[in-house]
């Protein structure tokens, strides 16, 4: 009886282990590989690979993949688009000036709009040096599938009606092995030559993309710039947010707000602070002090 129970237990353990291994998808492995190179960080909720990509997120990803994040962080606040959130100003500004992305009008970027597959492929192709402009365009911006397949970004020259962040990481990884136009080197080799990451780091990322990450599988980690170690995404804040309030932040100039945003190593930490500070501020506005510790609940005053 005991032997039978032990056998059943071992079979159950094996089955659970197999299911866990199957649950570690190729998209997660690829996200881990790009994350190892600090090119894909996810959000405060993880990689969110099943979510759609926004236009602002797409521009951010491409700037990071180019190794130009520091340039984006130091970007002057003034850009032609008036609807870009503060955190994305530098990324959109750099991508726009570099010819990677355009606005939806002269003054709008529509940062929260869904980024379709053909839009993202167009951004990646432009990043690799291909052009859809001028007298001899190499592809059409809203139909880049044939060229994208030709250079190895996608397996089939077909549209993807449900394009997600997970699909985007696969395309970005494929771009690493794609040659830049006019240069005898791949994107990865170019980034290595520019010091964005080393050959050893890329080799490790290749192993992760193939076999997975042994620790923190499917979980974003960020590189600590000061100690060159890895920490989970919820531990990268270098800003003393306890001294900053929602009112103080909104009284800042755009340049000051950008500077404060840059004190956060992880953008998700900034948003966590911002949302909490805003909620605290709004809650404090629901009552009016009338002296001697008394208050009036505004909600009571406006009840029908």
Protein backbone atom coordinates (compact mmCIF):
# COMPACT_ATOMS: atom_id res chain seq x y z
CA UNK A 1 0.00 0.00 0.00
CA UNK A 2 2.81 2.39 0.95
CA UNK A 3 4.69 1.60 -2.27
CA UNK A 4 1.56 2.34 -4.28
CA UNK A 5 1.05 5.67 -2.51
CA UNK A 6 4.70 6.63 -3.06
CA UNK A 7 4.42 5.73 -6.74
CA UNK A 8 1.26 7.82 -7.08
CA UNK A 9 2.94 10.73 -5.28
CA UNK A 10 5.98 10.58 -7.56
CA UNK A 11 3.74 10.43 -10.62
CA UNK A 12 1.85 13.49 -9.38
CA UNK A 13 5.11 15.38 -8.77
CA UNK A 14 6.35 14.47 -12.24
CA UNK A 15 3.07 15.59 -13.82
CA UNK A 16 3.13 18.93 -11.94
CA UNK A 17 6.76 19.49 -12.92
CA UNK A 18 5.93 18.79 -16.55
CA UNK A 19 2.99 21.18 -16.46
CA UNK A 20 5.20 23.86 -14.93
CA UNK A 21 7.78 23.37 -17.66
CA UNK A 22 5.09 23.59 -20.32
CA UNK A 23 3.76 26.78 -18.72
CA UNK A 24 7.12 28.48 -19.31
CA UNK A 25 6.35 29.64 -22.84
CA UNK A 26 8.70 30.65 -25.61
CA UNK A 27 7.42 34.19 -25.33
CA UNK A 28 8.40 34.23 -21.63
CA UNK A 29 11.83 32.78 -22.42
CA UNK A 30 12.33 35.44 -25.08
CA UNK A 31 11.11 38.18 -22.74
CA UNK A 32 13.58 36.88 -20.12
CA UNK A 33 16.39 36.96 -22.70
CA UNK A 34 15.68 40.59 -23.64
CA UNK A 35 15.20 41.42 -19.97
CA UNK A 36 18.62 39.95 -19.23
CA UNK A 37 20.03 42.52 -21.66
CA UNK A 38 17.92 45.24 -19.95
CA UNK A 39 16.02 45.85 -23.19
CA UNK A 40 12.57 44.71 -22.01
CA UNK A 41 11.46 45.42 -18.46
CA UNK A 42 7.75 44.80 -18.24
CA UNK A 43 5.50 46.68 -15.85
CA UNK A 44 4.71 46.58 -12.14
CA UNK A 45 2.43 43.63 -13.04
CA UNK A 46 5.10 41.64 -14.87
CA UNK A 47 5.71 41.24 -18.58
CA UNK A 48 1.98 41.33 -19.41
CA UNK A 49 2.69 39.45 -22.62
CA UNK A 50 -0.99 38.93 -23.38
CA UNK A 51 -1.76 42.64 -23.36
CA UNK A 52 -1.80 44.85 -26.42
CA UNK A 53 1.06 47.26 -26.98
CA UNK A 54 0.43 51.02 -27.02
CA UNK A 55 2.10 53.49 -29.36
CA UNK A 56 4.07 55.01 -26.47
CA UNK A 57 5.22 51.57 -25.30
CA UNK A 58 6.29 50.65 -28.83
CA UNK A 59 8.42 53.76 -29.17
CA UNK A 60 9.97 53.07 -25.77
CA UNK A 61 10.86 49.49 -26.69
CA UNK A 62 12.55 50.53 -29.93
CA UNK A 63 14.61 53.26 -28.24
CA UNK A 64 15.78 50.76 -25.62
CA UNK A 65 16.63 48.18 -28.28
CA UNK A 66 18.76 50.81 -29.99
CA UNK A 67 20.62 51.32 -26.72
CA UNK A 68 19.57 54.99 -26.61
CA UNK A 69 17.67 55.08 -23.33
CA UNK A 70 20.08 57.51 -21.71
CA UNK A 71 19.65 59.87 -24.66
CA UNK A 72 15.89 59.61 -24.19
CA UNK A 73 16.17 60.36 -20.48
CA UNK A 74 18.19 63.48 -21.25
CA UNK A 75 15.82 64.56 -24.00
CA UNK A 76 14.54 68.16 -23.83
CA UNK A 77 10.89 68.25 -22.85
CA UNK A 78 9.69 70.28 -25.83
CA UNK A 79 8.41 67.97 -28.58
CA UNK A 80 5.76 68.74 -31.23
CA UNK A 81 3.21 66.37 -29.69
CA UNK A 82 1.07 67.79 -26.90
CA UNK A 83 -0.57 64.56 -25.71
CA UNK A 84 2.49 62.50 -24.70
CA UNK A 85 2.73 61.62 -20.98
CA UNK A 86 5.81 62.83 -19.19
CA UNK A 87 7.42 59.40 -18.82
CA UNK A 88 7.33 58.85 -22.60
CA UNK A 89 8.42 62.31 -23.81
CA UNK A 90 12.09 61.41 -24.20
CA UNK A 91 11.42 58.08 -25.90
CA UNK A 92 8.89 59.52 -28.33
CA UNK A 93 11.09 62.55 -28.95
CA UNK A 94 14.14 60.42 -29.79
CA UNK A 95 12.14 57.97 -31.93
CA UNK A 96 10.50 60.82 -33.82
CA UNK A 97 13.71 62.71 -34.50
CA UNK A 98 15.40 59.47 -35.60
CA UNK A 99 12.66 58.81 -38.14
CA UNK A 100 11.42 55.68 -36.39
CA UNK A 101 7.95 56.95 -35.60
CA UNK A 102 5.58 59.73 -36.64
CA UNK A 103 2.66 61.38 -34.93
CA UNK A 104 -1.00 60.92 -35.76
CA UNK A 105 -1.07 64.66 -36.57
CA UNK A 106 1.30 67.61 -36.35
CA UNK A 107 0.60 68.00 -32.62
CA UNK A 108 -0.70 64.59 -31.49
CA UNK A 109 0.95 61.21 -31.01
CA UNK A 110 -2.03 59.27 -29.58
CA UNK A 111 0.25 57.47 -27.09
CA UNK A 112 -2.43 55.20 -25.64
CA UNK A 113 -3.75 53.94 -28.96
CA UNK A 114 -3.28 50.26 -29.70
CA UNK A 115 -0.19 49.51 -31.78
CA UNK A 116 -1.04 47.06 -34.55
CA UNK A 117 1.30 44.41 -35.89
CA UNK A 118 2.03 46.29 -39.12
CA UNK A 119 2.77 49.48 -37.18
CA UNK A 120 5.26 47.69 -34.94
CA UNK A 121 6.90 45.88 -37.84
CA UNK A 122 7.26 49.23 -39.60
CA UNK A 123 8.99 50.71 -36.53
CA UNK A 124 11.38 47.75 -36.34
CA UNK A 125 12.18 47.88 -40.06
CA UNK A 126 12.92 51.58 -39.80
CA UNK A 127 15.15 50.83 -36.80
CA UNK A 128 17.08 48.36 -38.97
CA UNK A 129 17.59 51.06 -41.60
CA UNK A 130 14.85 50.23 -44.11
CA UNK A 131 12.74 53.07 -45.44
CA UNK A 132 9.13 53.48 -46.49
CA UNK A 133 9.72 57.08 -47.61
CA UNK A 134 11.20 58.86 -50.60
CA UNK A 135 11.31 58.04 -54.30
CA UNK A 136 12.34 54.40 -53.79
CA UNK A 137 10.67 53.05 -50.64
CA UNK A 138 11.59 49.51 -49.67
CA UNK A 139 8.19 48.69 -48.20
CA UNK A 140 4.76 50.19 -47.54
CA UNK A 141 4.20 51.30 -43.95
CA UNK A 142 0.81 49.60 -43.57
CA UNK A 143 1.86 46.43 -45.41
CA UNK A 144 5.40 45.53 -44.29
CA UNK A 145 4.81 41.77 -44.05
CA UNK A 146 6.74 40.63 -47.12
CA UNK A 147 9.91 42.51 -46.19
CA UNK A 148 9.52 41.57 -42.52
CA UNK A 149 9.42 37.90 -43.50
CA UNK A 150 12.30 38.32 -45.93
CA UNK A 151 14.65 39.72 -43.29
CA UNK A 152 13.53 37.18 -40.67
CA UNK A 153 11.34 39.19 -38.31
CA UNK A 154 8.27 36.98 -38.81
CA UNK A 155 7.76 33.45 -40.10
CA UNK A 156 4.81 34.18 -42.39
CA UNK A 157 3.89 37.29 -44.36
CA UNK A 158 0.49 37.45 -42.72
CA UNK A 159 -1.35 39.97 -40.56
CA UNK A 160 -1.83 39.27 -36.86
CA UNK A 161 -5.23 40.52 -35.75
CA UNK A 162 -4.42 40.04 -32.05
CA UNK A 163 -0.95 41.51 -31.76
CA UNK A 164 0.34 41.46 -28.19
CA UNK A 165 3.41 42.43 -26.16
CA UNK A 166 4.45 38.78 -26.36
CA UNK A 167 4.40 38.91 -30.16
CA UNK A 168 6.47 42.09 -29.99
CA UNK A 169 9.25 40.48 -27.93
CA UNK A 170 9.57 37.65 -30.47
CA UNK A 171 9.96 40.20 -33.27
CA UNK A 172 12.51 42.18 -31.25
CA UNK A 173 14.54 39.05 -30.59
CA UNK A 174 14.49 38.15 -34.28
CA UNK A 175 15.69 41.68 -35.02
CA UNK A 176 18.82 41.00 -32.94
CA UNK A 177 20.01 38.54 -35.57
CA UNK A 178 19.01 40.69 -38.53
CA UNK A 179 21.62 42.66 -40.47
CA UNK A 180 21.39 46.42 -40.55
CA UNK A 181 20.97 47.88 -44.01
CA UNK A 182 24.23 49.10 -45.50
CA UNK A 183 26.27 47.41 -42.76
CA UNK A 184 27.83 43.98 -42.56
CA UNK A 185 26.68 43.39 -39.01
CA UNK A 186 23.54 42.37 -37.17
CA UNK A 187 21.68 44.60 -34.74
CA UNK A 188 23.13 42.60 -31.84
CA UNK A 189 26.68 42.98 -33.17
CA UNK A 190 26.11 46.71 -33.58
CA UNK A 191 24.89 47.02 -29.98
CA UNK A 192 27.89 45.04 -28.76
CA UNK A 193 30.24 47.36 -30.65
CA UNK A 194 28.51 50.35 -29.04
CA UNK A 195 28.91 48.88 -25.56
CA UNK A 196 25.18 48.41 -24.88
CA UNK A 197 25.96 44.86 -23.77
CA UNK A 198 28.90 42.46 -24.15
CA UNK A 199 29.37 39.31 -26.22
CA UNK A 200 29.23 37.25 -23.04
CA UNK A 201 25.98 38.91 -21.97
CA UNK A 202 24.42 38.28 -25.36
CA UNK A 203 25.56 34.67 -25.33
CA UNK A 204 23.88 34.23 -21.95
CA UNK A 205 20.72 35.83 -23.34
CA UNK A 206 20.80 33.41 -26.30
CA UNK A 207 20.95 30.50 -23.87
CA UNK A 208 18.00 31.91 -21.91
CA UNK A 209 16.00 32.40 -25.08
CA UNK A 210 16.61 28.76 -25.97
CA UNK A 211 16.54 27.01 -22.60
CA UNK A 212 14.95 29.50 -20.22
CA UNK A 213 16.20 31.29 -17.13
CA UNK A 214 16.92 29.08 -14.12
CA UNK A 215 16.03 31.74 -11.58
CA UNK A 216 13.17 34.25 -11.80
CA UNK A 217 11.76 32.44 -14.82
CA UNK A 218 9.16 34.62 -16.51
CA UNK A 219 9.68 37.41 -13.96
CA UNK A 220 11.13 40.81 -14.97
CA UNK A 221 14.30 41.95 -13.23
CA UNK A 222 16.10 45.25 -13.71
CA UNK A 223 19.80 45.94 -13.69
CA UNK A 224 21.00 48.02 -10.78
CA UNK A 225 23.17 50.64 -12.50
CA UNK A 226 25.23 51.37 -9.39
CA UNK A 227 26.09 47.86 -8.26
CA UNK A 228 25.67 46.04 -11.59
CA UNK A 229 23.53 43.43 -9.89
CA UNK A 230 19.98 42.35 -10.57
CA UNK A 231 17.00 43.23 -8.42
CA UNK A 232 13.28 42.59 -8.83
CA UNK A 233 11.26 45.34 -10.44
CA UNK A 234 9.71 46.42 -7.17
CA UNK A 235 13.04 47.35 -5.58
CA UNK A 236 14.66 49.74 -8.03
CA UNK A 237 13.50 53.12 -6.72
CA UNK A 238 16.30 55.55 -5.83
CA UNK A 239 13.96 58.51 -5.29
CA UNK A 240 12.87 59.60 -1.83
CA UNK A 241 9.19 59.79 -2.72
CA UNK A 242 8.24 60.46 0.91
CA UNK A 243 9.41 64.07 0.41
CA UNK A 244 7.39 64.58 -2.74
CA UNK A 245 3.65 65.21 -2.83
CA UNK A 246 1.15 65.29 -5.66
CA UNK A 247 0.74 69.05 -5.20
CA UNK A 248 4.49 69.68 -5.29
CA UNK A 249 4.87 67.52 -8.38
CA UNK A 250 2.12 69.34 -10.29
CA UNK A 251 3.61 72.71 -9.34
CA UNK A 252 6.87 71.76 -11.08
CA UNK A 253 7.82 72.78 -14.58
CA UNK A 254 7.84 70.05 -17.24
CA UNK A 255 11.64 69.89 -17.05
CA UNK A 256 11.52 69.47 -13.27
CA UNK A 257 8.92 66.73 -13.59
CA UNK A 258 11.15 64.93 -16.08
CA UNK A 259 14.10 65.24 -13.71
CA UNK A 260 12.04 63.77 -10.88
CA UNK A 261 10.85 60.93 -13.13
CA UNK A 262 14.49 60.15 -14.00
CA UNK A 263 15.30 59.55 -10.31
CA UNK A 264 13.35 56.30 -10.60
CA UNK A 265 15.29 53.37 -12.01
CA UNK A 266 12.04 51.60 -12.82
CA UNK A 267 9.18 53.57 -14.44
CA UNK A 268 6.61 51.31 -12.77
CA UNK A 269 7.81 52.56 -9.38
CA UNK A 270 7.16 56.13 -10.49
CA UNK A 271 3.61 55.27 -11.52
CA UNK A 272 3.01 53.44 -8.25
CA UNK A 273 4.07 56.57 -6.36
CA UNK A 274 2.12 58.90 -8.65
CA UNK A 275 -1.14 56.96 -8.38
CA UNK A 276 -0.83 56.66 -4.60
CA UNK A 277 0.04 60.35 -4.20
CA UNK A 278 -2.84 61.39 -6.45
CA UNK A 279 -5.30 59.18 -4.56
CA UNK A 280 -4.09 60.61 -1.24
CA UNK A 281 -4.45 64.16 -2.54
CA UNK A 282 -7.93 63.57 -3.93
CA UNK A 283 -9.03 61.94 -0.69
CA UNK A 284 -7.83 64.96 1.25
CA UNK A 285 -9.97 67.23 -0.92
CA UNK A 286 -13.19 65.53 0.07
CA UNK A 287 -13.36 67.41 3.38
CA UNK A 288 -13.02 71.04 4.35
CA UNK A 289 -11.62 72.06 7.72
CA UNK A 290 -13.94 74.42 9.65
CA UNK A 291 -11.83 74.91 12.74
CA UNK A 292 -11.42 73.15 16.07
CA UNK A 293 -10.73 69.92 14.25
CA UNK A 294 -14.14 69.88 12.61
CA UNK A 295 -14.71 68.91 8.99
CA UNK A 296 -17.50 68.90 6.46
CA UNK A 297 -17.85 65.92 4.17
CA UNK A 298 -18.45 67.34 0.69
CA UNK A 299 -20.13 64.10 -0.30
CA UNK A 300 -22.81 64.73 2.31
CA UNK A 301 -23.39 68.25 1.00
CA UNK A 302 -24.03 67.21 -2.57
CA UNK A 303 -26.24 64.19 -1.90
CA UNK A 304 -29.56 64.43 -3.78
